[in-house]
Amino acid sequence: MSTAGDFGGGASPQGGETRSLGQIVSDISADMSTLIRQEMDLAKAEMKQEVAKVGKGAGMFGGAGVAGFLTLLFLSLALTGLLHKWMPWGWAALIVGVLWGIVAAVLAMRGRQEIKQANPQLPTTQQTLKEDAQWAKTLKN
């Protein structure tokens, strides 16, 4: 006697039809393909939203950069004007220019060090991709 949870004799819950192992595997494979496609579509949609946010933020950073540049420009002019009280204009401008040259050199050296330390190989991503590939191989077998 069969109960609601027991399909008995390999029958499926859709009215007593039986399915072969090949059909079941085929259905599972199709479902996995559909699931992966849907996940990729979801990831694309989310990525578009995030890229839009990043683009907006980058635009704001660009505006902040322009504002910061103008701030430094006018502060430099003010410092040059202040120094001009004690020395000729040319010397005051030269001193401010040398100060900014030093700042630029320090920033360039730090930037160079950071770039040298960067690892464009993305080791963590490579490792997780290898693990995913290994996992997929075990599912096939």
N, C-alpha and C. Protein backbone atom coordinates (compact mmCIF):
# COMPACT_ATOMS: atom_id res chain seq x y z
N MET A 1 0.83 -1.18 0.00
CA MET A 1 0.00 0.00 0.00
C MET A 1 0.88 1.24 0.00
N SER A 2 0.61 2.20 -0.86
CA SER A 2 1.40 3.42 -1.01
C SER A 2 0.83 4.54 -0.16
N THR A 3 1.74 5.36 0.39
CA THR A 3 1.31 6.56 1.12
C THR A 3 1.62 7.76 0.26
N ALA A 4 1.24 8.96 0.73
CA ALA A 4 1.46 10.17 -0.05
C ALA A 4 2.94 10.42 -0.31
N GLY A 5 3.82 10.06 0.63
CA GLY A 5 5.25 10.29 0.46
C GLY A 5 5.96 9.18 -0.28
N ASP A 6 5.29 8.05 -0.52
CA ASP A 6 5.92 6.89 -1.17
C ASP A 6 5.29 6.73 -2.54
N PHE A 7 6.08 6.83 -3.58
CA PHE A 7 5.55 6.74 -4.93
C PHE A 7 5.54 5.31 -5.43
N GLY A 8 6.22 4.43 -4.74
CA GLY A 8 6.23 3.01 -5.04
C GLY A 8 6.50 2.68 -6.51
N GLY A 9 7.33 1.74 -6.76
CA GLY A 9 7.58 1.22 -8.10
C GLY A 9 8.17 2.23 -9.07
N GLY A 10 8.82 3.29 -8.59
CA GLY A 10 9.45 4.25 -9.48
C GLY A 10 8.49 5.23 -10.10
N ALA A 11 7.26 5.28 -9.65
CA ALA A 11 6.28 6.21 -10.22
C ALA A 11 6.56 7.62 -9.75
N SER A 12 6.26 8.56 -10.58
CA SER A 12 6.46 9.96 -10.21
C SER A 12 5.17 10.50 -9.62
N PRO A 13 5.22 11.63 -8.95
CA PRO A 13 4.02 12.18 -8.34
C PRO A 13 3.05 12.76 -9.37
N GLN A 14 3.39 12.83 -10.65
CA GLN A 14 2.53 13.42 -11.66
C GLN A 14 1.60 12.39 -12.30
N GLY A 15 0.98 11.58 -11.57
CA GLY A 15 -0.01 10.69 -12.15
C GLY A 15 0.51 9.29 -12.43
N GLY A 16 1.53 8.84 -11.78
CA GLY A 16 1.94 7.46 -11.87
C GLY A 16 2.89 7.12 -13.01
N GLU A 17 3.35 8.08 -13.80
CA GLU A 17 4.30 7.77 -14.87
C GLU A 17 5.68 7.52 -14.29
N THR A 18 6.44 6.67 -14.93
CA THR A 18 7.80 6.39 -14.48
C THR A 18 8.78 7.08 -15.41
N ARG A 19 9.88 7.50 -14.83
CA ARG A 19 10.92 8.19 -15.62
C ARG A 19 12.21 7.41 -15.46
N SER A 20 12.97 7.38 -16.53
CA SER A 20 14.24 6.68 -16.48
C SER A 20 15.28 7.55 -15.79
N LEU A 21 16.36 6.93 -15.40
CA LEU A 21 17.45 7.66 -14.77
C LEU A 21 18.01 8.71 -15.72
N GLY A 22 18.08 8.38 -17.01
CA GLY A 22 18.56 9.34 -18.02
C GLY A 22 17.68 10.57 -18.10
N GLN A 23 16.35 10.37 -18.01
CA GLN A 23 15.44 11.51 -18.04
C GLN A 23 15.61 12.39 -16.81
N ILE A 24 15.79 11.76 -15.67
CA ILE A 24 15.97 12.51 -14.43
C ILE A 24 17.26 13.33 -14.50
N VAL A 25 18.34 12.69 -14.95
CA VAL A 25 19.62 13.39 -15.07
C VAL A 25 19.50 14.52 -16.08
N SER A 26 18.80 14.27 -17.19
CA SER A 26 18.59 15.31 -18.20
C SER A 26 17.82 16.49 -17.62
N ASP A 27 16.78 16.20 -16.84
CA ASP A 27 16.00 17.27 -16.21
C ASP A 27 16.84 18.07 -15.22
N ILE A 28 17.64 17.35 -14.44
CA ILE A 28 18.51 18.03 -13.47
C ILE A 28 19.51 18.92 -14.21
N SER A 29 20.07 18.41 -15.29
CA SER A 29 21.03 19.19 -16.08
C SER A 29 20.37 20.44 -16.66
N ALA A 30 19.17 20.28 -17.20
CA ALA A 30 18.44 21.44 -17.75
C ALA A 30 18.12 22.44 -16.65
N ASP A 31 17.70 21.94 -15.49
CA ASP A 31 17.39 22.84 -14.37
C ASP A 31 18.64 23.59 -13.91
N MET A 32 19.78 22.89 -13.87
CA MET A 32 21.03 23.54 -13.47
C MET A 32 21.41 24.62 -14.48
N SER A 33 21.25 24.32 -15.77
CA SER A 33 21.56 25.32 -16.80
C SER A 33 20.67 26.54 -16.65
N THR A 34 19.38 26.30 -16.42
CA THR A 34 18.45 27.40 -16.23
C THR A 34 18.82 28.21 -15.00
N LEU A 35 19.15 27.53 -13.92
CA LEU A 35 19.53 28.21 -12.68
C LEU A 35 20.78 29.06 -12.89
N ILE A 36 21.78 28.50 -13.56
CA ILE A 36 23.02 29.23 -13.80
C ILE A 36 22.75 30.45 -14.68
N ARG A 37 21.92 30.28 -15.72
CA ARG A 37 21.57 31.40 -16.59
C ARG A 37 20.85 32.50 -15.80
N GLN A 38 19.92 32.09 -14.94
CA GLN A 38 19.20 33.07 -14.14
C GLN A 38 20.12 33.78 -13.16
N GLU A 39 21.05 33.05 -12.58
CA GLU A 39 22.02 33.66 -11.67
C GLU A 39 22.90 34.67 -12.41
N MET A 40 23.31 34.32 -13.63
CA MET A 40 24.12 35.23 -14.44
C MET A 40 23.34 36.48 -14.79
N ASP A 41 22.06 36.32 -15.14
CA ASP A 41 21.22 37.48 -15.45
C ASP A 41 21.08 38.38 -14.23
N LEU A 42 20.88 37.77 -13.07
CA LEU A 42 20.77 38.53 -11.83
C LEU A 42 22.07 39.27 -11.54
N ALA A 43 23.19 38.58 -11.73
CA ALA A 43 24.50 39.21 -11.49
C ALA A 43 24.71 40.38 -12.44
N LYS A 44 24.30 40.22 -13.71
CA LYS A 44 24.43 41.32 -14.68
C LYS A 44 23.60 42.52 -14.25
N ALA A 45 22.37 42.26 -13.83
CA ALA A 45 21.49 43.36 -13.41
C ALA A 45 22.07 44.07 -12.19
N GLU A 46 22.54 43.29 -11.22
CA GLU A 46 23.13 43.90 -10.02
C GLU A 46 24.40 44.68 -10.38
N MET A 47 25.19 44.13 -11.30
CA MET A 47 26.43 44.79 -11.69
C MET A 47 26.13 46.12 -12.37
N LYS A 48 25.09 46.17 -13.21
CA LYS A 48 24.72 47.42 -13.86
C LYS A 48 24.35 48.48 -12.83
N GLN A 49 23.60 48.07 -11.80
CA GLN A 49 23.22 49.01 -10.75
C GLN A 49 24.45 49.51 -10.00
N GLU A 50 25.35 48.59 -9.68
CA GLU A 50 26.55 48.98 -8.93
C GLU A 50 27.47 49.86 -9.77
N VAL A 51 27.59 49.55 -11.07
CA VAL A 51 28.43 50.37 -11.95
C VAL A 51 27.87 51.78 -12.04
N ALA A 52 26.54 51.90 -12.07
CA ALA A 52 25.93 53.22 -12.12
C ALA A 52 26.26 54.01 -10.84
N LYS A 53 26.21 53.33 -9.70
CA LYS A 53 26.56 53.99 -8.44
C LYS A 53 28.02 54.42 -8.43
N VAL A 54 28.89 53.51 -8.90
CA VAL A 54 30.32 53.81 -8.93
C VAL A 54 30.59 54.98 -9.88
N GLY A 55 29.91 55.00 -11.03
CA GLY A 55 30.08 56.10 -11.98
C GLY A 55 29.68 57.43 -11.38
N LYS A 56 28.59 57.43 -10.66
CA LYS A 56 28.13 58.65 -9.99
C LYS A 56 29.15 59.09 -8.95
N GLY A 57 29.64 58.14 -8.18
CA GLY A 57 30.65 58.46 -7.17
C GLY A 57 31.94 58.96 -7.80
N ALA A 58 32.33 58.35 -8.92
CA ALA A 58 33.55 58.79 -9.60
C ALA A 58 33.40 60.21 -10.12
N GLY A 59 32.23 60.53 -10.62
CA GLY A 59 31.97 61.90 -11.07
C GLY A 59 32.09 62.89 -9.92
N MET A 60 31.58 62.51 -8.77
CA MET A 60 31.68 63.38 -7.60
C MET A 60 33.13 63.52 -7.14
N PHE A 61 33.89 62.43 -7.21
CA PHE A 61 35.32 62.52 -6.89
C PHE A 61 36.03 63.44 -7.86
N GLY A 62 35.66 63.36 -9.12
CA GLY A 62 36.24 64.26 -10.11
C GLY A 62 35.97 65.71 -9.78
N GLY A 63 34.72 66.01 -9.41
CA GLY A 63 34.37 67.37 -9.00
C GLY A 63 35.14 67.80 -7.76
N ALA A 64 35.30 66.86 -6.82
CA ALA A 64 36.07 67.17 -5.61
C ALA A 64 37.53 67.43 -5.96
N GLY A 65 38.05 66.69 -6.94
CA GLY A 65 39.43 66.91 -7.37
C GLY A 65 39.63 68.30 -7.96
N VAL A 66 38.68 68.73 -8.78
CA VAL A 66 38.77 70.08 -9.37
C VAL A 66 38.69 71.13 -8.26
N ALA A 67 37.75 70.95 -7.34
CA ALA A 67 37.62 71.90 -6.24
C ALA A 67 38.88 71.91 -5.37
N GLY A 68 39.44 70.74 -5.13
CA GLY A 68 40.67 70.66 -4.34
C GLY A 68 41.83 71.35 -5.05
N PHE A 69 41.92 71.15 -6.37
CA PHE A 69 42.97 71.81 -7.15
C PHE A 69 42.84 73.33 -7.04
N LEU A 70 41.62 73.82 -7.23
CA LEU A 70 41.42 75.27 -7.14
C LEU A 70 41.75 75.79 -5.74
N THR A 71 41.40 75.02 -4.73
CA THR A 71 41.73 75.40 -3.35
C THR A 71 43.24 75.51 -3.18
N LEU A 72 43.97 74.50 -3.64
CA LEU A 72 45.42 74.54 -3.53
C LEU A 72 46.02 75.70 -4.33
N LEU A 73 45.44 75.95 -5.50
CA LEU A 73 45.93 77.05 -6.33
C LEU A 73 45.80 78.39 -5.59
N PHE A 74 44.62 78.64 -5.04
CA PHE A 74 44.43 79.93 -4.37
C PHE A 74 45.19 80.01 -3.05
N LEU A 75 45.32 78.90 -2.33
CA LEU A 75 46.14 78.92 -1.12
C LEU A 75 47.61 79.16 -1.47
N SER A 76 48.05 78.59 -2.59
CA SER A 76 49.42 78.84 -3.04
C SER A 76 49.63 80.31 -3.39
N LEU A 77 48.65 80.88 -4.07
CA LEU A 77 48.74 82.31 -4.39
C LEU A 77 48.76 83.16 -3.11
N ALA A 78 47.94 82.77 -2.14
CA ALA A 78 47.92 83.51 -0.88
C ALA A 78 49.27 83.39 -0.16
N LEU A 79 49.86 82.19 -0.15
CA LEU A 79 51.17 82.01 0.48
C LEU A 79 52.23 82.82 -0.25
N THR A 80 52.14 82.81 -1.58
CA THR A 80 53.09 83.61 -2.37
C THR A 80 52.95 85.09 -2.03
N GLY A 81 51.72 85.55 -1.92
CA GLY A 81 51.47 86.95 -1.55
C GLY A 81 52.00 87.26 -0.16
N LEU A 82 51.83 86.33 0.77
CA LEU A 82 52.34 86.53 2.14
C LEU A 82 53.86 86.61 2.14
N LEU A 83 54.50 85.69 1.42
CA LEU A 83 55.96 85.71 1.34
C LEU A 83 56.48 86.96 0.63
N HIS A 84 55.67 87.49 -0.28
CA HIS A 84 56.06 88.69 -1.04
C HIS A 84 56.25 89.91 -0.12
N LYS A 85 55.66 89.86 1.07
CA LYS A 85 55.84 90.97 2.01
C LYS A 85 57.30 91.06 2.48
N TRP A 86 58.01 89.92 2.49
CA TRP A 86 59.39 89.89 3.00
C TRP A 86 60.44 89.75 1.90
N MET A 87 60.02 89.43 0.67
CA MET A 87 60.99 89.21 -0.41
C MET A 87 60.34 89.55 -1.75
N PRO A 88 61.14 89.64 -2.79
CA PRO A 88 60.57 89.93 -4.11
C PRO A 88 59.61 88.83 -4.56
N TRP A 89 58.66 89.23 -5.40
CA TRP A 89 57.61 88.32 -5.89
C TRP A 89 58.19 87.05 -6.51
N GLY A 90 59.20 87.16 -7.31
CA GLY A 90 59.80 86.01 -7.99
C GLY A 90 60.33 84.98 -7.02
N TRP A 91 61.00 85.44 -5.96
CA TRP A 91 61.53 84.51 -4.97
C TRP A 91 60.38 83.84 -4.19
N ALA A 92 59.37 84.59 -3.88
CA ALA A 92 58.21 84.02 -3.15
C ALA A 92 57.55 82.92 -4.00
N ALA A 93 57.36 83.20 -5.29
CA ALA A 93 56.76 82.20 -6.17
C ALA A 93 57.66 80.98 -6.31
N LEU A 94 58.97 81.20 -6.37
CA LEU A 94 59.92 80.09 -6.48
C LEU A 94 59.84 79.19 -5.24
N ILE A 95 59.76 79.78 -4.07
CA ILE A 95 59.69 79.00 -2.82
C ILE A 95 58.42 78.14 -2.81
N VAL A 96 57.28 78.75 -3.17
CA VAL A 96 56.02 77.99 -3.20
C VAL A 96 56.09 76.88 -4.25
N GLY A 97 56.68 77.18 -5.40
CA GLY A 97 56.83 76.16 -6.44
C GLY A 97 57.71 75.00 -5.99
N VAL A 98 58.79 75.30 -5.28
CA VAL A 98 59.68 74.24 -4.78
C VAL A 98 58.95 73.39 -3.74
N LEU A 99 58.15 74.04 -2.88
CA LEU A 99 57.37 73.27 -1.89
C LEU A 99 56.44 72.28 -2.59
N TRP A 100 55.74 72.74 -3.64
CA TRP A 100 54.84 71.85 -4.37
C TRP A 100 55.62 70.78 -5.14
N GLY A 101 56.80 71.08 -5.58
CA GLY A 101 57.65 70.09 -6.24
C GLY A 101 58.03 68.97 -5.29
N ILE A 102 58.34 69.34 -4.05
CA ILE A 102 58.67 68.34 -3.02
C ILE A 102 57.47 67.45 -2.74
N VAL A 103 56.30 68.08 -2.59
CA VAL A 103 55.07 67.30 -2.35
C VAL A 103 54.83 66.33 -3.51
N ALA A 104 55.00 66.81 -4.75
CA ALA A 104 54.79 65.96 -5.93
C ALA A 104 55.78 64.79 -5.94
N ALA A 105 57.04 65.05 -5.59
CA ALA A 105 58.04 63.99 -5.59
C ALA A 105 57.72 62.93 -4.54
N VAL A 106 57.32 63.36 -3.36
CA VAL A 106 56.99 62.41 -2.29
C VAL A 106 55.78 61.55 -2.71
N LEU A 107 54.76 62.20 -3.25
CA LEU A 107 53.58 61.45 -3.69
C LEU A 107 53.92 60.48 -4.82
N ALA A 108 54.77 60.89 -5.74
CA ALA A 108 55.17 60.01 -6.85
C ALA A 108 55.93 58.80 -6.33
N MET A 109 56.82 59.00 -5.37
CA MET A 109 57.57 57.87 -4.82
C MET A 109 56.64 56.91 -4.09
N ARG A 110 55.70 57.45 -3.32
CA ARG A 110 54.76 56.59 -2.60
C ARG A 110 53.87 55.83 -3.58
N GLY A 111 53.43 56.52 -4.63
CA GLY A 111 52.60 55.88 -5.63
C GLY A 111 53.34 54.76 -6.34
N ARG A 112 54.60 54.99 -6.63
CA ARG A 112 55.44 53.97 -7.28
C ARG A 112 55.58 52.74 -6.39
N GLN A 113 55.79 52.96 -5.08
CA GLN A 113 55.89 51.84 -4.14
C GLN A 113 54.59 51.05 -4.11
N GLU A 114 53.46 51.74 -4.09
CA GLU A 114 52.16 51.06 -4.05
C GLU A 114 51.94 50.22 -5.30
N ILE A 115 52.33 50.76 -6.45
CA ILE A 115 52.15 50.03 -7.70
C ILE A 115 53.05 48.80 -7.73
N LYS A 116 54.27 48.93 -7.23
CA LYS A 116 55.17 47.78 -7.19
C LYS A 116 54.63 46.68 -6.28
N GLN A 117 53.93 47.05 -5.23
CA GLN A 117 53.39 46.08 -4.28
C GLN A 117 52.11 45.43 -4.77
N ALA A 118 51.48 46.00 -5.79
CA ALA A 118 50.22 45.46 -6.30
C ALA A 118 50.47 44.11 -6.96
N ASN A 119 49.48 43.22 -6.83
CA ASN A 119 49.57 41.90 -7.44
C ASN A 119 48.42 41.74 -8.42
N PRO A 120 48.67 41.99 -9.71
CA PRO A 120 47.57 41.91 -10.68
C PRO A 120 47.13 40.48 -11.00
N GLN A 121 47.76 39.49 -10.40
CA GLN A 121 47.41 38.10 -10.68
C GLN A 121 46.11 37.68 -10.01
N LEU A 122 45.61 38.46 -9.04
CA LEU A 122 44.38 38.15 -8.30
C LEU A 122 44.40 36.72 -7.75
N PRO A 123 45.32 36.42 -6.84
CA PRO A 123 45.49 35.03 -6.38
C PRO A 123 44.25 34.45 -5.72
N THR A 124 43.51 35.23 -4.97
CA THR A 124 42.33 34.71 -4.29
C THR A 124 41.27 34.32 -5.31
N THR A 125 41.05 35.18 -6.30
CA THR A 125 40.06 34.88 -7.34
C THR A 125 40.47 33.65 -8.13
N GLN A 126 41.74 33.54 -8.47
CA GLN A 126 42.21 32.37 -9.20
C GLN A 126 41.97 31.09 -8.38
N GLN A 127 42.23 31.16 -7.09
CA GLN A 127 42.06 29.98 -6.23
C GLN A 127 40.59 29.58 -6.16
N THR A 128 39.69 30.55 -5.98
CA THR A 128 38.27 30.20 -5.89
C THR A 128 37.75 29.67 -7.21
N LEU A 129 38.25 30.19 -8.35
CA LEU A 129 37.84 29.66 -9.64
C LEU A 129 38.30 28.22 -9.82
N LYS A 130 39.52 27.92 -9.36
CA LYS A 130 40.02 26.55 -9.43
C LYS A 130 39.16 25.63 -8.56
N GLU A 131 38.79 26.10 -7.38
CA GLU A 131 37.95 25.30 -6.49
C GLU A 131 36.58 25.07 -7.11
N ASP A 132 36.02 26.09 -7.77
CA ASP A 132 34.73 25.95 -8.43
C ASP A 132 34.81 24.94 -9.57
N ALA A 133 35.89 25.00 -10.35
CA ALA A 133 36.07 24.04 -11.44
C ALA A 133 36.20 22.62 -10.90
N GLN A 134 36.93 22.45 -9.81
CA GLN A 134 37.08 21.13 -9.19
C GLN A 134 35.73 20.63 -8.69
N TRP A 135 34.96 21.50 -8.08
CA TRP A 135 33.63 21.14 -7.58
C TRP A 135 32.73 20.70 -8.74
N ALA A 136 32.78 21.46 -9.86
CA ALA A 136 31.96 21.12 -11.01
C ALA A 136 32.36 19.75 -11.59
N LYS A 137 33.66 19.45 -11.57
CA LYS A 137 34.14 18.15 -12.07
C LYS A 137 33.61 17.01 -11.19
N THR A 138 33.57 17.23 -9.88
CA THR A 138 33.08 16.18 -9.00
C THR A 138 31.58 15.96 -9.20
N LEU A 139 30.84 17.00 -9.59
CA LEU A 139 29.42 16.83 -9.86
C LEU A 139 29.18 16.00 -11.11
N LYS A 140 30.07 16.16 -12.11
CA LYS A 140 29.94 15.40 -13.36
C LYS A 140 30.15 13.91 -13.10
N ASN A 141 31.12 13.62 -12.23
CA ASN A 141 31.48 12.21 -11.98
C ASN A 141 30.56 11.61 -11.00
